[in-house]
Structures are given as C-alpha cells and as structure tokens.
Amino acid sequence: MGRRNDISKDLDRRIEALANRSSLTRSQIIEDALAHGRSLAWQEKWVEGVQAGRDDAERGNFATEDEIALVLNKYATR
C-alpha cells in the first residue's frame, strides 16, 4: 500500500498492529471497516476477544455441559 501518509500516524499504527495480530491484511481491515461499518476499535476488540478465547482453550478452560445448558435454556422459548 503505497499511500500510507494519507491517514494519521495513529490510525496507520493501529491498522498495522491489527494486521500483525490477525490473519487479515491492511487492505482487508480497511475494506471491512468501509464495507461493513466495523470501526477500527470494533475490530481491535474482536481480535482481543478471539485471542482471549484461544488463550483460555490452550489452558484447557472450556465450558462445562451444565454451563452450556444454562445459556441455552436462558434463551429458550417457553
């Protein structure tokens, strides 16, 4: 991407950091924001949440069957 100086240094830094932490390219991050209205802050939070979930999984932290049932039953129609 040859025209990085068209955006602020802060946005450029955040896009680069997000690209490095995710499987997305700079162009994909920008296209997602423009096409789907997903702000950079939303995308950053999403990647943080995914990483937190992966970290939990690597530590063996999974929901129990009872915990899953509680969530499913909470939204079940009666």
PDB file of N, CA and C in Angstrom:
ATOM      1  N   MET A   1       0.872  -1.167   0.000  1.00  0.00           N
ATOM      2  CA  MET A   1       0.000   0.000   0.000  1.00  0.00           C
ATOM      3  C   MET A   1       0.910   1.217   0.000  1.00  0.00           C
ATOM      4  N   GLY A   2       0.988   1.928  -1.084  1.00  0.00           N
ATOM      5  CA  GLY A   2       1.957   2.990  -1.239  1.00  0.00           C
ATOM      6  C   GLY A   2       1.575   4.340  -0.665  1.00  0.00           C
ATOM      7  N   ARG A   3       0.344   4.565  -0.269  1.00  0.00           N
ATOM      8  CA  ARG A   3      -0.076   5.908   0.139  1.00  0.00           C
ATOM      9  C   ARG A   3      -0.466   5.960   1.617  1.00  0.00           C
ATOM     10  N   ARG A   4       0.319   5.391   2.477  1.00  0.00           N
ATOM     11  CA  ARG A   4       0.012   5.353   3.899  1.00  0.00           C
ATOM     12  C   ARG A   4      -0.034   6.732   4.526  1.00  0.00           C
ATOM     13  N   ASN A   5       0.624   7.692   3.956  1.00  0.00           N
ATOM     14  CA  ASN A   5       0.659   9.021   4.552  1.00  0.00           C
ATOM     15  C   ASN A   5      -0.657   9.776   4.394  1.00  0.00           C
ATOM     16  N   ASP A   6      -1.657   9.158   3.758  1.00  0.00           N
ATOM     17  CA  ASP A   6      -2.962   9.793   3.611  1.00  0.00           C
ATOM     18  C   ASP A   6      -3.808   9.658   4.875  1.00  0.00           C
ATOM     19  N   ILE A   7      -3.375   8.856   5.832  1.00  0.00           N
ATOM     20  CA  ILE A   7      -4.094   8.703   7.094  1.00  0.00           C
ATOM     21  C   ILE A   7      -3.153   9.079   8.233  1.00  0.00           C
ATOM     22  N   SER A   8      -3.719   9.338   9.384  1.00  0.00           N
ATOM     23  CA  SER A   8      -2.897   9.763  10.520  1.00  0.00           C
ATOM     24  C   SER A   8      -1.925   8.661  10.931  1.00  0.00           C
ATOM     25  N   LYS A   9      -0.863   9.056  11.582  1.00  0.00           N
ATOM     26  CA  LYS A   9       0.125   8.084  12.060  1.00  0.00           C
ATOM     27  C   LYS A   9      -0.499   7.118  13.061  1.00  0.00           C
ATOM     28  N   ASP A  10      -1.416   7.642  13.907  1.00  0.00           N
ATOM     29  CA  ASP A  10      -2.063   6.786  14.892  1.00  0.00           C
ATOM     30  C   ASP A  10      -2.900   5.704  14.212  1.00  0.00           C
ATOM     31  N   LEU A  11      -3.719   6.082  13.232  1.00  0.00           N
ATOM     32  CA  LEU A  11      -4.523   5.083  12.519  1.00  0.00           C
ATOM     33  C   LEU A  11      -3.639   4.095  11.779  1.00  0.00           C
ATOM     34  N   ASP A  12      -2.592   4.593  11.163  1.00  0.00           N
ATOM     35  CA  ASP A  12      -1.667   3.724  10.445  1.00  0.00           C
ATOM     36  C   ASP A  12      -1.048   2.707  11.398  1.00  0.00           C
ATOM     37  N   ARG A  13      -0.645   3.152  12.591  1.00  0.00           N
ATOM     38  CA  ARG A  13      -0.042   2.270  13.585  1.00  0.00           C
ATOM     39  C   ARG A  13      -1.049   1.223  14.054  1.00  0.00           C
ATOM     40  N   ARG A  14      -2.293   1.647  14.298  1.00  0.00           N
ATOM     41  CA  ARG A  14      -3.328   0.722  14.770  1.00  0.00           C
ATOM     42  C   ARG A  14      -3.678  -0.318  13.709  1.00  0.00           C
ATOM     43  N   ILE A  15      -3.767   0.101  12.454  1.00  0.00           N
ATOM     44  CA  ILE A  15      -4.055  -0.844  11.365  1.00  0.00           C
ATOM     45  C   ILE A  15      -2.927  -1.851  11.242  1.00  0.00           C
ATOM     46  N   GLU A  16      -1.706  -1.371  11.315  1.00  0.00           N
ATOM     47  CA  GLU A  16      -0.546  -2.263  11.215  1.00  0.00           C
ATOM     48  C   GLU A  16      -0.520  -3.259  12.369  1.00  0.00           C
ATOM     49  N   ALA A  17      -0.793  -2.792  13.589  1.00  0.00           N
ATOM     50  CA  ALA A  17      -0.813  -3.674  14.759  1.00  0.00           C
ATOM     51  C   ALA A  17      -1.914  -4.718  14.627  1.00  0.00           C
ATOM     52  N   LEU A  18      -3.075  -4.304  14.148  1.00  0.00           N
ATOM     53  CA  LEU A  18      -4.195  -5.229  13.975  1.00  0.00           C
ATOM     54  C   LEU A  18      -3.859  -6.279  12.916  1.00  0.00           C
ATOM     55  N   ALA A  19      -3.241  -5.859  11.845  1.00  0.00           N
ATOM     56  CA  ALA A  19      -2.843  -6.801  10.794  1.00  0.00           C
ATOM     57  C   ALA A  19      -1.834  -7.813  11.340  1.00  0.00           C
ATOM     58  N   ASN A  20      -0.927  -7.356  12.181  1.00  0.00           N
ATOM     59  CA  ASN A  20       0.084  -8.250  12.746  1.00  0.00           C
ATOM     60  C   ASN A  20      -0.526  -9.247  13.738  1.00  0.00           C
ATOM     61  N   ARG A  21      -1.621  -8.878  14.401  1.00  0.00           N
ATOM     62  CA  ARG A  21      -2.255  -9.737  15.410  1.00  0.00           C
ATOM     63  C   ARG A  21      -3.329 -10.641  14.823  1.00  0.00           C
ATOM     64  N   SER A  22      -3.696 -10.417  13.589  1.00  0.00           N
ATOM     65  CA  SER A  22      -4.777 -11.196  12.984  1.00  0.00           C
ATOM     66  C   SER A  22      -4.273 -11.846  11.698  1.00  0.00           C
ATOM     67  N   SER A  23      -5.165 -12.520  11.027  1.00  0.00           N
ATOM     68  CA  SER A  23      -4.819 -13.126   9.740  1.00  0.00           C
ATOM     69  C   SER A  23      -5.211 -12.218   8.582  1.00  0.00           C
ATOM     70  N   LEU A  24      -5.555 -10.960   8.889  1.00  0.00           N
ATOM     71  CA  LEU A  24      -6.024 -10.021   7.871  1.00  0.00           C
ATOM     72  C   LEU A  24      -4.900  -9.125   7.372  1.00  0.00           C
ATOM     73  N   THR A  25      -5.034  -8.699   6.140  1.00  0.00           N
ATOM     74  CA  THR A  25      -4.095  -7.716   5.589  1.00  0.00           C
ATOM     75  C   THR A  25      -4.612  -6.314   5.916  1.00  0.00           C
ATOM     76  N   ARG A  26      -3.766  -5.325   5.732  1.00  0.00           N
ATOM     77  CA  ARG A  26      -4.178  -3.929   5.928  1.00  0.00           C
ATOM     78  C   ARG A  26      -5.398  -3.624   5.062  1.00  0.00           C
ATOM     79  N   SER A  27      -5.352  -4.053   3.816  1.00  0.00           N
ATOM     80  CA  SER A  27      -6.459  -3.786   2.889  1.00  0.00           C
ATOM     81  C   SER A  27      -7.754  -4.434   3.351  1.00  0.00           C
ATOM     82  N   GLN A  28      -7.680  -5.650   3.878  1.00  0.00           N
ATOM     83  CA  GLN A  28      -8.877  -6.326   4.360  1.00  0.00           C
ATOM     84  C   GLN A  28      -9.464  -5.600   5.570  1.00  0.00           C
ATOM     85  N   ILE A  29      -8.613  -5.111   6.447  1.00  0.00           N
ATOM     86  CA  ILE A  29      -9.083  -4.379   7.627  1.00  0.00           C
ATOM     87  C   ILE A  29      -9.804  -3.106   7.198  1.00  0.00           C
ATOM     88  N   ILE A  30      -9.220  -2.381   6.279  1.00  0.00           N
ATOM     89  CA  ILE A  30      -9.822  -1.132   5.800  1.00  0.00           C
ATOM     90  C   ILE A  30     -11.108  -1.422   5.036  1.00  0.00           C
ATOM     91  N   GLU A  31     -11.093  -2.454   4.186  1.00  0.00           N
ATOM     92  CA  GLU A  31     -12.296  -2.806   3.428  1.00  0.00           C
ATOM     93  C   GLU A  31     -13.424  -3.220   4.362  1.00  0.00           C
ATOM     94  N   ASP A  32     -13.118  -3.982   5.413  1.00  0.00           N
ATOM     95  CA  ASP A  32     -14.136  -4.398   6.374  1.00  0.00           C
ATOM     96  C   ASP A  32     -14.762  -3.183   7.051  1.00  0.00           C
ATOM     97  N   ALA A  33     -13.930  -2.232   7.405  1.00  0.00           N
ATOM     98  CA  ALA A  33     -14.435  -1.015   8.049  1.00  0.00           C
ATOM     99  C   ALA A  33     -15.351  -0.237   7.109  1.00  0.00           C
ATOM    100  N   LEU A  34     -14.958  -0.115   5.873  1.00  0.00           N
ATOM    101  CA  LEU A  34     -15.734   0.674   4.915  1.00  0.00           C
ATOM    102  C   LEU A  34     -16.984  -0.054   4.431  1.00  0.00           C
ATOM    103  N   ALA A  35     -16.860  -1.337   4.139  1.00  0.00           N
ATOM    104  CA  ALA A  35     -17.978  -2.082   3.567  1.00  0.00           C
ATOM    105  C   ALA A  35     -19.007  -2.506   4.601  1.00  0.00           C
ATOM    106  N   HIS A  36     -18.568  -2.752   5.840  1.00  0.00           N
ATOM    107  CA  HIS A  36     -19.470  -3.307   6.843  1.00  0.00           C
ATOM    108  C   HIS A  36     -19.653  -2.399   8.054  1.00  0.00           C
ATOM    109  N   GLY A  37     -19.044  -1.248   8.033  1.00  0.00           N
ATOM    110  CA  GLY A  37     -19.210  -0.297   9.123  1.00  0.00           C
ATOM    111  C   GLY A  37     -18.563  -0.734  10.423  1.00  0.00           C
ATOM    112  N   ARG A  38     -17.578  -1.603  10.347  1.00  0.00           N
ATOM    113  CA  ARG A  38     -16.890  -2.076  11.551  1.00  0.00           C
ATOM    114  C   ARG A  38     -15.701  -1.166  11.823  1.00  0.00           C
ATOM    115  N   SER A  39     -15.831  -0.373  12.857  1.00  0.00           N
ATOM    116  CA  SER A  39     -14.769   0.582  13.175  1.00  0.00           C
ATOM    117  C   SER A  39     -13.485  -0.148  13.539  1.00  0.00           C
ATOM    118  N   LEU A  40     -12.406   0.579  13.501  1.00  0.00           N
ATOM    119  CA  LEU A  40     -11.123   0.020  13.893  1.00  0.00           C
ATOM    120  C   LEU A  40     -11.171  -0.431  15.353  1.00  0.00           C
ATOM    121  N   ALA A  41     -11.828   0.348  16.204  1.00  0.00           N
ATOM    122  CA  ALA A  41     -11.972  -0.024  17.613  1.00  0.00           C
ATOM    123  C   ALA A  41     -12.743  -1.337  17.744  1.00  0.00           C
ATOM    124  N   TRP A  42     -13.805  -1.529  16.951  1.00  0.00           N
ATOM    125  CA  TRP A  42     -14.578  -2.765  16.982  1.00  0.00           C
ATOM    126  C   TRP A  42     -13.697  -3.935  16.566  1.00  0.00           C
ATOM    127  N   GLN A  43     -12.931  -3.738  15.492  1.00  0.00           N
ATOM    128  CA  GLN A  43     -12.060  -4.809  15.001  1.00  0.00           C
ATOM    129  C   GLN A  43     -10.986  -5.159  16.031  1.00  0.00           C
ATOM    130  N   GLU A  44     -10.433  -4.148  16.692  1.00  0.00           N
ATOM    131  CA  GLU A  44      -9.425  -4.396  17.726  1.00  0.00           C
ATOM    132  C   GLU A  44     -10.022  -5.209  18.876  1.00  0.00           C
ATOM    133  N   LYS A  45     -11.224  -4.835  19.298  1.00  0.00           N
ATOM    134  CA  LYS A  45     -11.882  -5.550  20.386  1.00  0.00           C
ATOM    135  C   LYS A  45     -12.195  -6.985  19.975  1.00  0.00           C
ATOM    136  N   TRP A  46     -12.631  -7.189  18.758  1.00  0.00           N
ATOM    137  CA  TRP A  46     -12.935  -8.526  18.249  1.00  0.00           C
ATOM    138  C   TRP A  46     -11.688  -9.409  18.300  1.00  0.00           C
ATOM    139  N   VAL A  47     -10.569  -8.895  17.793  1.00  0.00           N
ATOM    140  CA  VAL A  47      -9.330  -9.674  17.779  1.00  0.00           C
ATOM    141  C   VAL A  47      -8.881  -9.988  19.210  1.00  0.00           C
ATOM    142  N   GLU A  48      -9.020  -9.027  20.120  1.00  0.00           N
ATOM    143  CA  GLU A  48      -8.678  -9.266  21.529  1.00  0.00           C
ATOM    144  C   GLU A  48      -9.542 -10.385  22.110  1.00  0.00           C
ATOM    145  N   GLY A  49     -10.833 -10.383  21.805  1.00  0.00           N
ATOM    146  CA  GLY A  49     -11.735 -11.416  22.305  1.00  0.00           C
ATOM    147  C   GLY A  49     -11.398 -12.789  21.758  1.00  0.00           C
ATOM    148  N   VAL A  50     -11.091 -12.845  20.481  1.00  0.00           N
ATOM    149  CA  VAL A  50     -10.707 -14.119  19.867  1.00  0.00           C
ATOM    150  C   VAL A  50      -9.426 -14.633  20.515  1.00  0.00           C
ATOM    151  N   GLN A  51      -8.457 -13.760  20.703  1.00  0.00           N
ATOM    152  CA  GLN A  51      -7.197 -14.174  21.316  1.00  0.00           C
ATOM    153  C   GLN A  51      -7.413 -14.646  22.750  1.00  0.00           C
ATOM    154  N   ALA A  52      -8.270 -13.962  23.497  1.00  0.00           N
ATOM    155  CA  ALA A  52      -8.572 -14.375  24.868  1.00  0.00           C
ATOM    156  C   ALA A  52      -9.202 -15.769  24.878  1.00  0.00           C
ATOM    157  N   GLY A  53     -10.092 -16.032  23.937  1.00  0.00           N
ATOM    158  CA  GLY A  53     -10.712 -17.349  23.832  1.00  0.00           C
ATOM    159  C   GLY A  53      -9.697 -18.425  23.483  1.00  0.00           C
ATOM    160  N   ARG A  54      -8.793 -18.108  22.580  1.00  0.00           N
ATOM    161  CA  ARG A  54      -7.740 -19.069  22.220  1.00  0.00           C
ATOM    162  C   ARG A  54      -6.835 -19.342  23.411  1.00  0.00           C
ATOM    163  N   ASP A  55      -6.496 -18.292  24.155  1.00  0.00           N
ATOM    164  CA  ASP A  55      -5.656 -18.463  25.341  1.00  0.00           C
ATOM    165  C   ASP A  55      -6.344 -19.357  26.366  1.00  0.00           C
ATOM    166  N   ASP A  56      -7.641 -19.138  26.590  1.00  0.00           N
ATOM    167  CA  ASP A  56      -8.402 -19.986  27.507  1.00  0.00           C
ATOM    168  C   ASP A  56      -8.381 -21.440  27.045  1.00  0.00           C
ATOM    169  N   ALA A  57      -8.597 -21.652  25.765  1.00  0.00           N
ATOM    170  CA  ALA A  57      -8.615 -23.008  25.223  1.00  0.00           C
ATOM    171  C   ALA A  57      -7.257 -23.687  25.407  1.00  0.00           C
ATOM    172  N   GLU A  58      -6.197 -22.945  25.185  1.00  0.00           N
ATOM    173  CA  GLU A  58      -4.857 -23.520  25.362  1.00  0.00           C
ATOM    174  C   GLU A  58      -4.595 -23.902  26.812  1.00  0.00           C
ATOM    175  N   ARG A  59      -5.233 -23.209  27.754  1.00  0.00           N
ATOM    176  CA  ARG A  59      -5.101 -23.539  29.170  1.00  0.00           C
ATOM    177  C   ARG A  59      -6.077 -24.638  29.593  1.00  0.00           C
ATOM    178  N   GLY A  60      -6.912 -25.083  28.650  1.00  0.00           N
ATOM    179  CA  GLY A  60      -7.872 -26.140  28.954  1.00  0.00           C
ATOM    180  C   GLY A  60      -9.152 -25.639  29.589  1.00  0.00           C
ATOM    181  N   ASN A  61      -9.393 -24.339  29.537  1.00  0.00           N
ATOM    182  CA  ASN A  61     -10.607 -23.758  30.121  1.00  0.00           C
ATOM    183  C   ASN A  61     -11.752 -23.816  29.105  1.00  0.00           C
ATOM    184  N   PHE A  62     -12.653 -24.753  29.314  1.00  0.00           N
ATOM    185  CA  PHE A  62     -13.805 -24.907  28.447  1.00  0.00           C
ATOM    186  C   PHE A  62     -15.071 -24.876  29.306  1.00  0.00           C
ATOM    187  N   ALA A  63     -16.179 -24.514  28.692  1.00  0.00           N
ATOM    188  CA  ALA A  63     -17.459 -24.518  29.402  1.00  0.00           C
ATOM    189  C   ALA A  63     -17.870 -25.957  29.680  1.00  0.00           C
ATOM    190  N   THR A  64     -18.469 -26.160  30.842  1.00  0.00           N
ATOM    191  CA  THR A  64     -18.993 -27.488  31.177  1.00  0.00           C
ATOM    192  C   THR A  64     -20.346 -27.675  30.493  1.00  0.00           C
ATOM    193  N   GLU A  65     -20.811 -28.902  30.482  1.00  0.00           N
ATOM    194  CA  GLU A  65     -22.128 -29.171  29.892  1.00  0.00           C
ATOM    195  C   GLU A  65     -23.219 -28.412  30.641  1.00  0.00           C
ATOM    196  N   ASP A  66     -23.087 -28.300  31.960  1.00  0.00           N
ATOM    197  CA  ASP A  66     -24.073 -27.564  32.759  1.00  0.00           C
ATOM    198  C   ASP A  66     -24.064 -26.073  32.411  1.00  0.00           C
ATOM    199  N   GLU A  67     -22.889 -25.506  32.222  1.00  0.00           N
ATOM    200  CA  GLU A  67     -22.793 -24.083  31.858  1.00  0.00           C
ATOM    201  C   GLU A  67     -23.406 -23.826  30.483  1.00  0.00           C
ATOM    202  N   ILE A  68     -23.182 -24.726  29.565  1.00  0.00           N
ATOM    203  CA  ILE A  68     -23.769 -24.594  28.228  1.00  0.00           C
ATOM    204  C   ILE A  68     -25.286 -24.695  28.307  1.00  0.00           C
ATOM    205  N   ALA A  69     -25.773 -25.646  29.080  1.00  0.00           N
ATOM    206  CA  ALA A  69     -27.219 -25.820  29.239  1.00  0.00           C
ATOM    207  C   ALA A  69     -27.858 -24.576  29.839  1.00  0.00           C
ATOM    208  N   LEU A  70     -27.190 -23.937  30.815  1.00  0.00           N
ATOM    209  CA  LEU A  70     -27.731 -22.710  31.405  1.00  0.00           C
ATOM    210  C   LEU A  70     -27.904 -21.617  30.361  1.00  0.00           C
ATOM    211  N   VAL A  71     -26.930 -21.442  29.505  1.00  0.00           N
ATOM    212  CA  VAL A  71     -27.007 -20.415  28.466  1.00  0.00           C
ATOM    213  C   VAL A  71     -28.106 -20.750  27.465  1.00  0.00           C
ATOM    214  N   LEU A  72     -28.135 -21.987  27.013  1.00  0.00           N
ATOM    215  CA  LEU A  72     -29.148 -22.384  26.031  1.00  0.00           C
ATOM    216  C   LEU A  72     -30.551 -22.265  26.603  1.00  0.00           C
ATOM    217  N   ASN A  73     -30.726 -22.655  27.844  1.00  0.00           N
ATOM    218  CA  ASN A  73     -32.054 -22.593  28.463  1.00  0.00           C
ATOM    219  C   ASN A  73     -32.474 -21.144  28.750  1.00  0.00           C
ATOM    220  N   LYS A  74     -31.511 -20.295  28.948  1.00  0.00           N
ATOM    221  CA  LYS A  74     -31.821 -18.884  29.221  1.00  0.00           C
ATOM    222  C   LYS A  74     -32.583 -18.254  28.050  1.00  0.00           C
ATOM    223  N   TYR A  75     -32.270 -18.671  26.849  1.00  0.00           N
ATOM    224  CA  TYR A  75     -32.878 -18.074  25.657  1.00  0.00           C
ATOM    225  C   TYR A  75     -33.918 -18.965  24.991  1.00  0.00           C
ATOM    226  N   ALA A  76     -34.227 -20.092  25.613  1.00  0.00           N
ATOM    227  CA  ALA A  76     -35.228 -20.995  25.047  1.00  0.00           C
ATOM    228  C   ALA A  76     -36.613 -20.364  25.177  1.00  0.00           C
ATOM    229  N   THR A  77     -37.433 -20.581  24.156  1.00  0.00           N
ATOM    230  CA  THR A  77     -38.812 -20.092  24.232  1.00  0.00           C
ATOM    231  C   THR A  77     -39.614 -21.057  25.085  1.00  0.00           C
ATOM    232  N   ARG A  78     -40.504 -20.501  25.860  1.00  0.00           N
ATOM    233  CA  ARG A  78     -41.286 -21.342  26.794  1.00  0.00           C
ATOM    234  C   ARG A  78     -42.709 -21.417  26.361  1.00  0.00           C
TER     235      ARG A  78
END
